[in-house]
Amino acid sequence: MDKLGHEAIERRKDAIIACFGDAIIGADGRVDRKALGAQVFGKPEELATLEAIVHPEANRLTDEWIAQHAATWCCVINAALLHKSSAFRRLDALILVKAPLLTRLLRARKRDQLPWAMLLRRFRSQTAFTSQYLASNADIYEVNNGAYFASRYVRASLERRLDIVLSFIQGHC
């Protein structure tokens, strides 16, 4: 869903610029998602404005993707903000990939190169997600991805665990 979300942002770029200004446009002419994120993070009203612009388009794109693929096979959606998607209430199964807080912080620091304080604020803002997932009607499967180092062995182990869960789910589609 990240790719669809990025596409939705670009499709709604004019509306985003109208609300948040030209400073969120990168040198390549596309929306600089890091600059936009920095502008709305920790500001619930501005985040709500951005979500009101982007989410309807992202949901439309997601619904189209599901309609194109659901008739022929089980659809698997990878999304960090799945609970905010129109697809969330239609799920048959949900795979929660979990990792300890320290591991997630170290990964985020390496990936995003943000200050520790900002990372902690982001993580604190995301604590309610699990309870929303648990409140869904979908079958829930948990997969642990606690290793910090992304060796081939660790990645292969995670992929094997995900394959097992996906095979089980596919048998029930």
C-alpha atoms as a PDB file:
ATOM      1  CA  MET A   1       0.000   0.000   0.000  1.00  0.00           C
ATOM      2  CA  ASP A   2       2.987   2.314   0.335  1.00  0.00           C
ATOM      3  CA  LYS A   3       3.263   2.518  -3.446  1.00  0.00           C
ATOM      4  CA  LEU A   4      -0.445   3.295  -3.758  1.00  0.00           C
ATOM      5  CA  GLY A   5      -0.131   5.883  -0.996  1.00  0.00           C
ATOM      6  CA  HIS A   6       2.772   7.532  -2.794  1.00  0.00           C
ATOM      7  CA  GLU A   7       0.731   7.559  -5.996  1.00  0.00           C
ATOM      8  CA  ALA A   8      -2.216   9.110  -4.131  1.00  0.00           C
ATOM      9  CA  ILE A   9       0.063  11.847  -2.788  1.00  0.00           C
ATOM     10  CA  GLU A  10       1.275  12.683  -6.290  1.00  0.00           C
ATOM     11  CA  ARG A  11      -2.258  12.657  -7.693  1.00  0.00           C
ATOM     12  CA  ARG A  12      -3.345  15.050  -4.944  1.00  0.00           C
ATOM     13  CA  LYS A  13      -0.167  17.151  -5.088  1.00  0.00           C
ATOM     14  CA  ASP A  14      -1.951  20.378  -6.056  1.00  0.00           C
ATOM     15  CA  ALA A  15      -4.308  20.157  -3.077  1.00  0.00           C
ATOM     16  CA  ILE A  16      -1.412  19.323  -0.771  1.00  0.00           C
ATOM     17  CA  ILE A  17       0.594  22.304  -2.027  1.00  0.00           C
ATOM     18  CA  ALA A  18      -2.451  24.547  -1.555  1.00  0.00           C
ATOM     19  CA  CYS A  19      -2.587  23.541   2.127  1.00  0.00           C
ATOM     20  CA  PHE A  20       1.084  23.113   3.003  1.00  0.00           C
ATOM     21  CA  GLY A  21       2.986  25.327   0.565  1.00  0.00           C
ATOM     22  CA  ASP A  22       5.738  24.833  -2.008  1.00  0.00           C
ATOM     23  CA  ALA A  23       8.329  23.921   0.629  1.00  0.00           C
ATOM     24  CA  ILE A  24       7.131  20.318   0.476  1.00  0.00           C
ATOM     25  CA  ILE A  25       8.145  19.932  -3.182  1.00  0.00           C
ATOM     26  CA  GLY A  26      11.510  18.298  -3.808  1.00  0.00           C
ATOM     27  CA  ALA A  27      14.062  19.146  -6.463  1.00  0.00           C
ATOM     28  CA  ASP A  28      12.545  16.452  -8.689  1.00  0.00           C
ATOM     29  CA  GLY A  29       9.136  18.175  -8.644  1.00  0.00           C
ATOM     30  CA  ARG A  30       7.542  15.435  -6.546  1.00  0.00           C
ATOM     31  CA  VAL A  31       6.207  15.794  -3.026  1.00  0.00           C
ATOM     32  CA  ASP A  32       9.067  15.419  -0.556  1.00  0.00           C
ATOM     33  CA  ARG A  33       7.357  13.062   1.898  1.00  0.00           C
ATOM     34  CA  LYS A  34       9.975  13.659   4.604  1.00  0.00           C
ATOM     35  CA  ALA A  35       9.463  17.426   4.415  1.00  0.00           C
ATOM     36  CA  LEU A  36       5.692  16.954   4.415  1.00  0.00           C
ATOM     37  CA  GLY A  37       5.902  14.537   7.339  1.00  0.00           C
ATOM     38  CA  ALA A  38       8.012  16.979   9.319  1.00  0.00           C
ATOM     39  CA  GLN A  39       5.404  19.670   8.676  1.00  0.00           C
ATOM     40  CA  VAL A  40       2.452  17.619   9.969  1.00  0.00           C
ATOM     41  CA  PHE A  41       4.016  15.385  12.612  1.00  0.00           C
ATOM     42  CA  GLY A  42       2.873  16.240  16.124  1.00  0.00           C
ATOM     43  CA  LYS A  43       0.190  18.546  14.736  1.00  0.00           C
ATOM     44  CA  PRO A  44      -3.090  16.609  14.808  1.00  0.00           C
ATOM     45  CA  GLU A  45      -5.073  19.226  12.887  1.00  0.00           C
ATOM     46  CA  GLU A  46      -2.563  19.412  10.049  1.00  0.00           C
ATOM     47  CA  LEU A  47      -2.244  15.626   9.938  1.00  0.00           C
ATOM     48  CA  ALA A  48      -6.030  15.347   9.731  1.00  0.00           C
ATOM     49  CA  THR A  49      -6.026  17.859   6.859  1.00  0.00           C
ATOM     50  CA  LEU A  50      -3.399  15.849   4.984  1.00  0.00           C
ATOM     51  CA  GLU A  51      -5.253  12.578   5.599  1.00  0.00           C
ATOM     52  CA  ALA A  52      -8.506  14.141   4.374  1.00  0.00           C
ATOM     53  CA  ILE A  53      -6.734  15.020   1.119  1.00  0.00           C
ATOM     54  CA  VAL A  54      -4.797  11.796   0.555  1.00  0.00           C
ATOM     55  CA  HIS A  55      -6.788   8.962   2.142  1.00  0.00           C
ATOM     56  CA  PRO A  56      -9.841   9.062  -0.148  1.00  0.00           C
ATOM     57  CA  GLU A  57      -7.564   8.729  -3.192  1.00  0.00           C
ATOM     58  CA  ALA A  58      -5.427   6.037  -1.516  1.00  0.00           C
ATOM     59  CA  ASN A  59      -8.593   4.112  -0.594  1.00  0.00           C
ATOM     60  CA  ARG A  60      -9.912   4.397  -4.154  1.00  0.00           C
ATOM     61  CA  LEU A  61      -6.630   3.081  -5.554  1.00  0.00           C
ATOM     62  CA  THR A  62      -6.574   0.251  -2.994  1.00  0.00           C
ATOM     63  CA  ASP A  63     -10.165  -0.732  -3.737  1.00  0.00           C
ATOM     64  CA  GLU A  64      -9.380  -0.769  -7.472  1.00  0.00           C
ATOM     65  CA  TRP A  65      -6.320  -2.951  -6.881  1.00  0.00           C
ATOM     66  CA  ILE A  66      -8.307  -5.403  -4.775  1.00  0.00           C
ATOM     67  CA  ALA A  67     -11.097  -5.550  -7.375  1.00  0.00           C
ATOM     68  CA  GLN A  68      -8.545  -6.342 -10.101  1.00  0.00           C
ATOM     69  CA  HIS A  69      -6.963  -9.180  -8.140  1.00  0.00           C
ATOM     70  CA  ALA A  70      -9.480 -10.624  -5.680  1.00  0.00           C
ATOM     71  CA  ALA A  71     -11.352 -12.741  -8.227  1.00  0.00           C
ATOM     72  CA  THR A  72      -8.287 -14.790  -9.134  1.00  0.00           C
ATOM     73  CA  TRP A  73      -6.335 -15.129  -5.870  1.00  0.00           C
ATOM     74  CA  CYS A  74      -6.081 -14.112  -2.263  1.00  0.00           C
ATOM     75  CA  CYS A  75      -4.952 -10.526  -1.885  1.00  0.00           C
ATOM     76  CA  VAL A  76      -2.132  -9.705   0.498  1.00  0.00           C
ATOM     77  CA  ILE A  77      -1.781  -6.091   1.538  1.00  0.00           C
ATOM     78  CA  ASN A  78       1.307  -4.802   3.312  1.00  0.00           C
ATOM     79  CA  ALA A  79       0.480  -1.559   5.077  1.00  0.00           C
ATOM     80  CA  ALA A  80       1.772   0.236   8.125  1.00  0.00           C
ATOM     81  CA  LEU A  81      -1.482   2.201   8.528  1.00  0.00           C
ATOM     82  CA  LEU A  82      -3.826  -0.586   7.510  1.00  0.00           C
ATOM     83  CA  HIS A  83      -6.394   0.372  10.142  1.00  0.00           C
ATOM     84  CA  LYS A  84      -6.938   3.668   8.291  1.00  0.00           C
ATOM     85  CA  SER A  85      -7.598   1.925   4.979  1.00  0.00           C
ATOM     86  CA  SER A  86     -10.981   1.158   3.475  1.00  0.00           C
ATOM     87  CA  ALA A  87      -9.718  -2.422   3.073  1.00  0.00           C
ATOM     88  CA  PHE A  88      -9.304  -2.904   6.840  1.00  0.00           C
ATOM     89  CA  ARG A  89     -12.919  -3.766   7.607  1.00  0.00           C
ATOM     90  CA  ARG A  90     -12.964  -6.351   4.778  1.00  0.00           C
ATOM     91  CA  LEU A  91      -9.986  -8.396   5.945  1.00  0.00           C
ATOM     92  CA  ASP A  92     -10.306 -12.126   6.481  1.00  0.00           C
ATOM     93  CA  ALA A  93      -6.891 -12.407   8.103  1.00  0.00           C
ATOM     94  CA  LEU A  94      -4.297 -10.081   9.538  1.00  0.00           C
ATOM     95  CA  ILE A  95      -0.602 -10.790  10.020  1.00  0.00           C
ATOM     96  CA  LEU A  96       1.028  -8.635  12.684  1.00  0.00           C
ATOM     97  CA  VAL A  97       4.776  -8.580  12.236  1.00  0.00           C
ATOM     98  CA  LYS A  98       6.141  -7.673  15.643  1.00  0.00           C
ATOM     99  CA  ALA A  99       9.532  -6.660  16.948  1.00  0.00           C
ATOM    100  CA  PRO A 100      10.765  -5.366  20.303  1.00  0.00           C
ATOM    101  CA  LEU A 101      10.745  -1.598  20.794  1.00  0.00           C
ATOM    102  CA  LEU A 102      14.535  -1.301  20.882  1.00  0.00           C
ATOM    103  CA  THR A 103      14.876  -3.230  17.617  1.00  0.00           C
ATOM    104  CA  ARG A 104      12.256  -1.049  15.926  1.00  0.00           C
ATOM    105  CA  LEU A 105      13.959   2.106  17.210  1.00  0.00           C
ATOM    106  CA  LEU A 106      17.366   1.002  15.939  1.00  0.00           C
ATOM    107  CA  ARG A 107      15.918   0.077  12.545  1.00  0.00           C
ATOM    108  CA  ALA A 108      14.061   3.389  12.265  1.00  0.00           C
ATOM    109  CA  ARG A 109      17.161   5.338  13.268  1.00  0.00           C
ATOM    110  CA  LYS A 110      19.237   3.542  10.624  1.00  0.00           C
ATOM    111  CA  ARG A 111      16.547   3.924   7.941  1.00  0.00           C
ATOM    112  CA  ASP A 112      15.338   7.492   8.603  1.00  0.00           C
ATOM    113  CA  GLN A 113      18.363   9.033  10.337  1.00  0.00           C
ATOM    114  CA  LEU A 114      16.082  11.068  12.594  1.00  0.00           C
ATOM    115  CA  PRO A 115      16.928  12.259  16.106  1.00  0.00           C
ATOM    116  CA  TRP A 116      16.106   9.800  18.912  1.00  0.00           C
ATOM    117  CA  ALA A 117      13.546  12.171  20.452  1.00  0.00           C
ATOM    118  CA  MET A 118      11.612  12.439  17.188  1.00  0.00           C
ATOM    119  CA  LEU A 119      11.637   8.674  16.731  1.00  0.00           C
ATOM    120  CA  LEU A 120      10.307   8.169  20.254  1.00  0.00           C
ATOM    121  CA  ARG A 121       7.508  10.692  19.635  1.00  0.00           C
ATOM    122  CA  ARG A 122       6.557   8.864  16.431  1.00  0.00           C
ATOM    123  CA  PHE A 123       6.519   5.525  18.183  1.00  0.00           C
ATOM    124  CA  ARG A 124       4.385   6.931  21.008  1.00  0.00           C
ATOM    125  CA  SER A 125       1.865   8.220  18.459  1.00  0.00           C
ATOM    126  CA  GLN A 126       1.552   4.700  17.014  1.00  0.00           C
ATOM    127  CA  THR A 127       0.806   2.787  20.226  1.00  0.00           C
ATOM    128  CA  ALA A 128      -2.948   2.555  19.627  1.00  0.00           C
ATOM    129  CA  PHE A 129      -2.649   0.587  16.379  1.00  0.00           C
ATOM    130  CA  THR A 130      -2.463  -2.885  17.909  1.00  0.00           C
ATOM    131  CA  SER A 131      -5.688  -2.449  19.857  1.00  0.00           C
ATOM    132  CA  GLN A 132      -7.466  -1.411  16.654  1.00  0.00           C
ATOM    133  CA  TYR A 133      -6.156  -4.485  14.881  1.00  0.00           C
ATOM    134  CA  LEU A 134      -7.269  -6.717  17.730  1.00  0.00           C
ATOM    135  CA  ALA A 135     -10.766  -5.211  17.505  1.00  0.00           C
ATOM    136  CA  SER A 136     -11.131  -6.319  13.883  1.00  0.00           C
ATOM    137  CA  ASN A 137     -13.127  -9.374  12.835  1.00  0.00           C
ATOM    138  CA  ALA A 138     -10.128 -10.837  11.000  1.00  0.00           C
ATOM    139  CA  ASP A 139      -8.192 -13.876  12.138  1.00  0.00           C
ATOM    140  CA  ILE A 140      -4.917 -12.577  13.567  1.00  0.00           C
ATOM    141  CA  TYR A 141      -1.529 -14.231  13.137  1.00  0.00           C
ATOM    142  CA  GLU A 142       1.601 -12.881  14.804  1.00  0.00           C
ATOM    143  CA  VAL A 143       5.067 -13.254  13.344  1.00  0.00           C
ATOM    144  CA  ASN A 144       8.126 -12.185  15.322  1.00  0.00           C
ATOM    145  CA  ASN A 145      10.762 -10.207  13.443  1.00  0.00           C
ATOM    146  CA  GLY A 146      12.960  -9.285  16.368  1.00  0.00           C
ATOM    147  CA  ALA A 147      16.417  -9.598  14.850  1.00  0.00           C
ATOM    148  CA  TYR A 148      18.135  -6.273  14.290  1.00  0.00           C
ATOM    149  CA  PHE A 149      20.741  -7.419  11.801  1.00  0.00           C
ATOM    150  CA  ALA A 150      19.217  -8.131   8.395  1.00  0.00           C
ATOM    151  CA  SER A 151      21.405 -11.060   7.420  1.00  0.00           C
ATOM    152  CA  ARG A 152      20.330 -13.450   4.699  1.00  0.00           C
ATOM    153  CA  TYR A 153      19.598 -16.020   7.409  1.00  0.00           C
ATOM    154  CA  VAL A 154      17.323 -13.655   9.341  1.00  0.00           C
ATOM    155  CA  ARG A 155      15.483 -12.561   6.195  1.00  0.00           C
ATOM    156  CA  ALA A 156      15.080 -16.177   5.033  1.00  0.00           C
ATOM    157  CA  SER A 157      13.778 -17.184   8.466  1.00  0.00           C
ATOM    158  CA  LEU A 158      11.210 -14.367   8.456  1.00  0.00           C
ATOM    159  CA  GLU A 159      10.163 -15.235   4.904  1.00  0.00           C
ATOM    160  CA  ARG A 160       9.697 -18.908   5.884  1.00  0.00           C
ATOM    161  CA  ARG A 161       7.494 -17.915   8.831  1.00  0.00           C
ATOM    162  CA  LEU A 162       5.443 -15.596   6.625  1.00  0.00           C
ATOM    163  CA  ASP A 163       5.141 -18.290   3.941  1.00  0.00           C
ATOM    164  CA  ILE A 164       3.761 -20.727   6.525  1.00  0.00           C
ATOM    165  CA  VAL A 165       1.118 -18.239   7.659  1.00  0.00           C
ATOM    166  CA  LEU A 166       0.252 -17.227   4.094  1.00  0.00           C
ATOM    167  CA  SER A 167      -0.073 -20.862   3.014  1.00  0.00           C
ATOM    168  CA  PHE A 168      -2.435 -21.520   5.890  1.00  0.00           C
ATOM    169  CA  ILE A 169      -4.504 -18.428   5.079  1.00  0.00           C
ATOM    170  CA  GLN A 170      -4.564 -19.249   1.361  1.00  0.00           C
ATOM    171  CA  GLY A 171      -5.983 -22.664   2.192  1.00  0.00           C
ATOM    172  CA  HIS A 172      -8.947 -20.872   3.756  1.00  0.00           C
ATOM    173  CA  CYS A 173      -9.606 -18.303   0.991  1.00  0.00           C
END
